[in-house]
N, C-alpha and C. Protein backbone atom coordinates (compact mmCIF):
# COMPACT_ATOMS: atom_id res chain seq x y z
N MET A 1 48.54 -57.21 107.44
CA MET A 1 47.19 -57.30 106.89
C MET A 1 46.43 -58.51 107.47
N ILE A 2 47.11 -59.65 107.56
CA ILE A 2 46.48 -60.86 108.10
C ILE A 2 46.09 -60.62 109.56
N TYR A 3 46.97 -59.98 110.32
CA TYR A 3 46.70 -59.73 111.74
C TYR A 3 45.49 -58.82 111.92
N GLN A 4 45.39 -57.78 111.08
CA GLN A 4 44.23 -56.88 111.18
C GLN A 4 42.95 -57.61 110.80
N ARG A 5 43.00 -58.40 109.71
CA ARG A 5 41.82 -59.15 109.28
C ARG A 5 41.33 -60.06 110.40
N ALA A 6 42.28 -60.66 111.11
CA ALA A 6 41.94 -61.61 112.18
C ALA A 6 41.66 -60.92 113.51
N ASN A 7 41.75 -59.60 113.53
CA ASN A 7 41.55 -58.84 114.76
C ASN A 7 42.52 -59.31 115.85
N TYR A 8 43.73 -59.68 115.43
CA TYR A 8 44.80 -60.10 116.32
C TYR A 8 44.40 -61.27 117.22
N GLN A 9 43.67 -62.23 116.62
CA GLN A 9 43.30 -63.44 117.35
C GLN A 9 43.25 -64.63 116.40
N CYS A 10 43.36 -65.81 116.95
CA CYS A 10 43.31 -67.04 116.16
C CYS A 10 41.99 -67.07 115.38
N GLU A 11 42.08 -67.34 114.10
CA GLU A 11 40.88 -67.33 113.27
C GLU A 11 40.05 -68.60 113.42
N LEU A 12 40.50 -69.53 114.25
CA LEU A 12 39.70 -70.71 114.52
C LEU A 12 39.09 -70.70 115.92
N CYS A 13 39.90 -70.33 116.93
CA CYS A 13 39.39 -70.42 118.30
C CYS A 13 39.29 -69.08 119.03
N GLY A 14 39.89 -68.02 118.47
CA GLY A 14 39.81 -66.71 119.10
C GLY A 14 40.91 -66.40 120.10
N ASN A 15 41.82 -67.34 120.36
CA ASN A 15 42.92 -67.12 121.28
C ASN A 15 43.81 -65.99 120.76
N THR A 16 44.40 -65.22 121.66
CA THR A 16 45.26 -64.11 121.26
C THR A 16 46.74 -64.38 121.56
N GLN A 17 47.05 -65.53 122.11
CA GLN A 17 48.43 -65.86 122.50
C GLN A 17 49.10 -66.75 121.45
N GLY A 18 50.38 -66.51 121.20
CA GLY A 18 51.18 -67.38 120.33
C GLY A 18 50.70 -67.41 118.89
N LEU A 19 50.33 -66.27 118.33
CA LEU A 19 49.78 -66.23 116.98
C LEU A 19 50.85 -66.49 115.91
N GLN A 20 50.47 -67.29 114.91
CA GLN A 20 51.38 -67.65 113.82
C GLN A 20 50.60 -67.71 112.51
N LYS A 21 51.26 -67.32 111.43
CA LYS A 21 50.63 -67.44 110.11
C LYS A 21 50.77 -68.88 109.63
N HIS A 22 49.71 -69.38 109.00
CA HIS A 22 49.72 -70.74 108.47
C HIS A 22 49.26 -70.70 107.01
N HIS A 23 50.06 -71.28 106.13
CA HIS A 23 49.65 -71.44 104.73
C HIS A 23 48.79 -72.69 104.65
N ILE A 24 47.57 -72.56 104.23
CA ILE A 24 46.66 -73.71 104.15
C ILE A 24 47.19 -74.72 103.14
N VAL A 25 47.51 -74.25 101.94
CA VAL A 25 48.22 -75.07 100.96
C VAL A 25 49.67 -74.59 101.02
N LYS A 26 50.56 -75.47 101.43
CA LYS A 26 51.97 -75.09 101.60
C LYS A 26 52.54 -74.49 100.32
N ARG A 27 53.43 -73.54 100.49
CA ARG A 27 54.09 -72.94 99.33
C ARG A 27 54.84 -74.00 98.54
N SER A 28 55.43 -74.95 99.22
CA SER A 28 56.17 -76.02 98.53
C SER A 28 55.25 -76.92 97.72
N GLN A 29 53.95 -76.87 98.00
CA GLN A 29 52.97 -77.68 97.27
C GLN A 29 52.21 -76.84 96.24
N GLY A 30 52.63 -75.59 96.05
CA GLY A 30 52.00 -74.73 95.05
C GLY A 30 51.09 -73.67 95.61
N GLY A 31 50.91 -73.63 96.92
CA GLY A 31 50.08 -72.59 97.53
C GLY A 31 50.77 -71.25 97.52
N GLY A 32 50.00 -70.20 97.42
CA GLY A 32 50.56 -68.87 97.34
C GLY A 32 50.50 -68.10 98.64
N ASP A 33 50.96 -66.86 98.57
CA ASP A 33 50.94 -65.97 99.72
C ASP A 33 49.70 -65.07 99.71
N ASN A 34 48.69 -65.45 98.97
CA ASN A 34 47.47 -64.65 98.90
C ASN A 34 46.67 -64.73 100.20
N GLN A 35 45.86 -63.73 100.45
CA GLN A 35 45.10 -63.61 101.70
C GLN A 35 44.26 -64.84 102.01
N ALA A 36 43.65 -65.45 101.02
CA ALA A 36 42.78 -66.60 101.28
C ALA A 36 43.57 -67.82 101.75
N ASN A 37 44.81 -67.96 101.29
CA ASN A 37 45.61 -69.14 101.61
C ASN A 37 46.33 -69.03 102.95
N ILE A 38 46.29 -67.87 103.58
CA ILE A 38 46.96 -67.69 104.86
C ILE A 38 45.91 -67.46 105.95
N ILE A 39 46.06 -68.19 107.04
CA ILE A 39 45.15 -68.05 108.16
C ILE A 39 46.01 -67.84 109.41
N LEU A 40 45.54 -67.01 110.31
CA LEU A 40 46.25 -66.74 111.56
C LEU A 40 45.77 -67.72 112.62
N LEU A 41 46.71 -68.48 113.18
CA LEU A 41 46.38 -69.50 114.17
C LEU A 41 47.19 -69.28 115.44
N CYS A 42 46.61 -69.65 116.57
CA CYS A 42 47.37 -69.68 117.82
C CYS A 42 48.25 -70.93 117.77
N TRP A 43 49.20 -71.00 118.71
CA TRP A 43 50.10 -72.15 118.71
C TRP A 43 49.33 -73.46 118.83
N HIS A 44 48.30 -73.49 119.67
CA HIS A 44 47.53 -74.72 119.89
C HIS A 44 46.86 -75.21 118.59
N CYS A 45 46.23 -74.29 117.85
CA CYS A 45 45.56 -74.68 116.60
C CYS A 45 46.55 -74.96 115.47
N HIS A 46 47.78 -74.47 115.63
CA HIS A 46 48.80 -74.67 114.61
C HIS A 46 49.63 -75.92 114.88
N HIS A 47 50.19 -76.03 116.08
CA HIS A 47 51.12 -77.13 116.39
C HIS A 47 50.68 -78.04 117.54
N GLY A 48 49.60 -77.70 118.21
CA GLY A 48 49.12 -78.54 119.30
C GLY A 48 48.69 -79.91 118.80
N THR A 49 48.36 -80.82 119.70
CA THR A 49 48.02 -82.19 119.34
C THR A 49 46.96 -82.26 118.24
N LYS A 50 45.91 -81.43 118.35
CA LYS A 50 44.85 -81.42 117.34
C LYS A 50 45.00 -80.28 116.35
N GLY A 51 46.11 -79.55 116.42
CA GLY A 51 46.40 -78.47 115.48
C GLY A 51 46.75 -79.03 114.10
N VAL A 52 46.77 -78.18 113.11
CA VAL A 52 46.99 -78.65 111.74
C VAL A 52 48.31 -79.40 111.55
N HIS A 53 49.33 -79.11 112.35
CA HIS A 53 50.60 -79.82 112.28
C HIS A 53 50.79 -80.78 113.45
N GLY A 54 49.76 -80.99 114.24
CA GLY A 54 49.84 -81.87 115.40
C GLY A 54 49.63 -83.33 115.04
N LYS A 55 49.84 -84.21 116.02
CA LYS A 55 49.70 -85.66 115.82
C LYS A 55 48.31 -86.05 115.32
N ARG A 56 47.28 -85.32 115.81
CA ARG A 56 45.91 -85.67 115.42
C ARG A 56 45.24 -84.52 114.65
N GLY A 57 46.04 -83.75 113.92
CA GLY A 57 45.51 -82.60 113.22
C GLY A 57 45.22 -82.80 111.74
N HIS A 58 45.39 -84.02 111.25
CA HIS A 58 45.20 -84.26 109.82
C HIS A 58 43.80 -83.87 109.35
N LYS A 59 42.79 -84.17 110.14
CA LYS A 59 41.42 -83.86 109.75
C LYS A 59 41.22 -82.35 109.66
N LEU A 60 41.72 -81.59 110.62
CA LEU A 60 41.60 -80.13 110.59
C LEU A 60 42.32 -79.58 109.36
N ASP A 61 43.49 -80.11 109.06
CA ASP A 61 44.24 -79.69 107.88
C ASP A 61 43.40 -79.91 106.61
N LEU A 62 42.81 -81.09 106.49
CA LEU A 62 41.96 -81.38 105.32
C LEU A 62 40.72 -80.48 105.27
N GLN A 63 40.13 -80.20 106.44
CA GLN A 63 38.96 -79.33 106.48
C GLN A 63 39.30 -77.92 106.02
N LEU A 64 40.45 -77.40 106.43
CA LEU A 64 40.88 -76.07 105.98
C LEU A 64 41.12 -76.07 104.47
N LYS A 65 41.77 -77.10 103.98
CA LYS A 65 42.02 -77.18 102.53
C LYS A 65 40.70 -77.27 101.75
N ALA A 66 39.77 -78.07 102.25
CA ALA A 66 38.47 -78.20 101.59
C ALA A 66 37.70 -76.88 101.65
N GLY A 67 37.79 -76.17 102.76
CA GLY A 67 37.14 -74.86 102.88
C GLY A 67 37.73 -73.86 101.90
N LEU A 68 39.06 -73.88 101.76
CA LEU A 68 39.73 -73.00 100.81
C LEU A 68 39.31 -73.34 99.38
N GLU A 69 39.27 -74.62 99.08
CA GLU A 69 38.84 -75.05 97.75
C GLU A 69 37.41 -74.58 97.46
N LYS A 70 36.53 -74.75 98.42
CA LYS A 70 35.14 -74.32 98.27
C LYS A 70 35.07 -72.81 98.01
N TYR A 71 35.87 -72.04 98.74
CA TYR A 71 35.95 -70.58 98.54
C TYR A 71 36.44 -70.27 97.13
N TYR A 72 37.52 -70.91 96.71
CA TYR A 72 38.07 -70.67 95.37
C TYR A 72 37.06 -71.03 94.28
N ARG A 73 36.28 -72.09 94.48
CA ARG A 73 35.32 -72.51 93.46
C ARG A 73 34.23 -71.46 93.22
N LYS A 74 34.01 -70.60 94.20
CA LYS A 74 33.03 -69.52 94.03
C LYS A 74 33.63 -68.37 93.22
N CYS A 75 34.95 -68.34 93.12
CA CYS A 75 35.64 -67.21 92.49
C CYS A 75 36.28 -67.54 91.15
N TYR A 76 36.66 -68.79 90.93
CA TYR A 76 37.49 -69.14 89.77
C TYR A 76 36.97 -70.38 89.05
N ASN A 77 37.47 -70.59 87.82
CA ASN A 77 37.13 -71.81 87.08
C ASN A 77 37.97 -72.98 87.63
N GLU A 78 37.61 -74.18 87.23
CA GLU A 78 38.23 -75.38 87.79
C GLU A 78 39.74 -75.44 87.55
N LYS A 79 40.18 -75.01 86.40
CA LYS A 79 41.61 -75.03 86.08
C LYS A 79 42.38 -74.12 87.05
N LYS A 80 41.86 -72.93 87.31
CA LYS A 80 42.51 -71.99 88.22
C LYS A 80 42.46 -72.52 89.66
N VAL A 81 41.34 -73.12 90.05
CA VAL A 81 41.22 -73.69 91.39
C VAL A 81 42.28 -74.77 91.59
N LYS A 82 42.43 -75.64 90.61
CA LYS A 82 43.42 -76.72 90.71
C LYS A 82 44.83 -76.13 90.86
N GLU A 83 45.10 -75.09 90.12
CA GLU A 83 46.41 -74.42 90.21
C GLU A 83 46.62 -73.84 91.61
N LEU A 84 45.63 -73.12 92.12
CA LEU A 84 45.73 -72.49 93.44
C LEU A 84 45.83 -73.52 94.57
N MET A 85 45.25 -74.69 94.35
CA MET A 85 45.25 -75.74 95.37
C MET A 85 46.46 -76.67 95.25
N GLY A 86 47.42 -76.30 94.42
CA GLY A 86 48.62 -77.12 94.28
C GLY A 86 48.38 -78.41 93.54
N GLY A 87 47.35 -78.42 92.68
CA GLY A 87 47.07 -79.59 91.85
C GLY A 87 46.20 -80.64 92.50
N LYS A 88 45.71 -80.39 93.70
CA LYS A 88 44.89 -81.39 94.40
C LYS A 88 43.53 -80.80 94.78
N PHE A 89 42.54 -81.69 94.87
CA PHE A 89 41.22 -81.31 95.34
C PHE A 89 40.93 -82.04 96.65
N TYR A 90 40.19 -81.38 97.55
CA TYR A 90 39.97 -81.90 98.88
C TYR A 90 38.50 -82.03 99.27
N LEU A 91 37.61 -81.36 98.54
CA LEU A 91 36.19 -81.36 98.94
C LEU A 91 35.60 -82.76 99.00
N TRP A 92 36.05 -83.66 98.19
CA TRP A 92 35.51 -85.02 98.18
C TRP A 92 35.98 -85.82 99.39
N GLN A 93 37.03 -85.36 100.09
CA GLN A 93 37.61 -86.11 101.20
C GLN A 93 36.96 -85.84 102.55
N VAL A 94 36.43 -84.64 102.72
CA VAL A 94 35.97 -84.25 104.06
C VAL A 94 34.89 -83.17 103.94
N GLU A 95 33.99 -83.15 104.91
CA GLU A 95 32.96 -82.11 104.97
C GLU A 95 33.55 -80.86 105.63
N VAL A 96 33.15 -79.70 105.15
CA VAL A 96 33.65 -78.45 105.71
C VAL A 96 32.75 -78.02 106.86
N PRO A 97 33.29 -77.95 108.09
CA PRO A 97 32.46 -77.54 109.22
C PRO A 97 32.09 -76.07 109.16
N GLU A 98 31.05 -75.69 109.85
CA GLU A 98 30.52 -74.33 109.83
C GLU A 98 31.57 -73.29 110.23
N PHE A 99 32.37 -73.57 111.26
CA PHE A 99 33.33 -72.57 111.72
C PHE A 99 34.39 -72.27 110.64
N ILE A 100 34.69 -73.23 109.79
CA ILE A 100 35.64 -72.98 108.69
C ILE A 100 34.93 -72.27 107.55
N ASP A 101 33.72 -72.69 107.23
CA ASP A 101 32.91 -71.98 106.23
C ASP A 101 32.77 -70.51 106.60
N SER A 102 32.51 -70.26 107.87
CA SER A 102 32.34 -68.89 108.37
C SER A 102 33.60 -68.07 108.13
N HIS A 103 34.76 -68.66 108.36
CA HIS A 103 36.03 -67.95 108.11
C HIS A 103 36.12 -67.51 106.65
N PHE A 104 35.85 -68.41 105.73
CA PHE A 104 35.98 -68.06 104.32
C PHE A 104 34.86 -67.15 103.84
N ASN A 105 33.69 -67.21 104.44
CA ASN A 105 32.63 -66.27 104.10
C ASN A 105 33.00 -64.84 104.47
N LYS A 106 33.75 -64.69 105.55
CA LYS A 106 34.22 -63.35 105.94
C LYS A 106 35.17 -62.77 104.91
N LEU A 107 35.94 -63.62 104.24
CA LEU A 107 36.88 -63.14 103.23
C LEU A 107 36.15 -62.47 102.07
N LYS A 108 34.98 -62.97 101.72
CA LYS A 108 34.21 -62.41 100.63
C LYS A 108 33.73 -60.99 100.96
N GLU A 109 33.53 -60.72 102.25
CA GLU A 109 33.01 -59.41 102.68
C GLU A 109 34.07 -58.33 102.60
N GLU A 110 35.34 -58.71 102.60
CA GLU A 110 36.42 -57.71 102.59
C GLU A 110 36.61 -57.07 101.23
């Protein structure tokens, strides 16, 4: 389902090579396997230097979490959002860039 939603390409850069599922909020931190919490990333956006798990990927990781939180806030009350986000809020830490907002806006259309 994730692959079809993403049209078999990275949901951040459009690359079609080395695709991997990424949990925005890790399962170990309380994130679920729901469609909104999983994004399809190429290896570069996932593990590359500036990827979410890369040496300089912390900002991208926070931006994805903040985008997910913003999406959840349109759908749920604050208590449910906190639960879905693993007990943490991220919107106050970082601004959500347009390309991430665009990803979550597409989820509403499905």
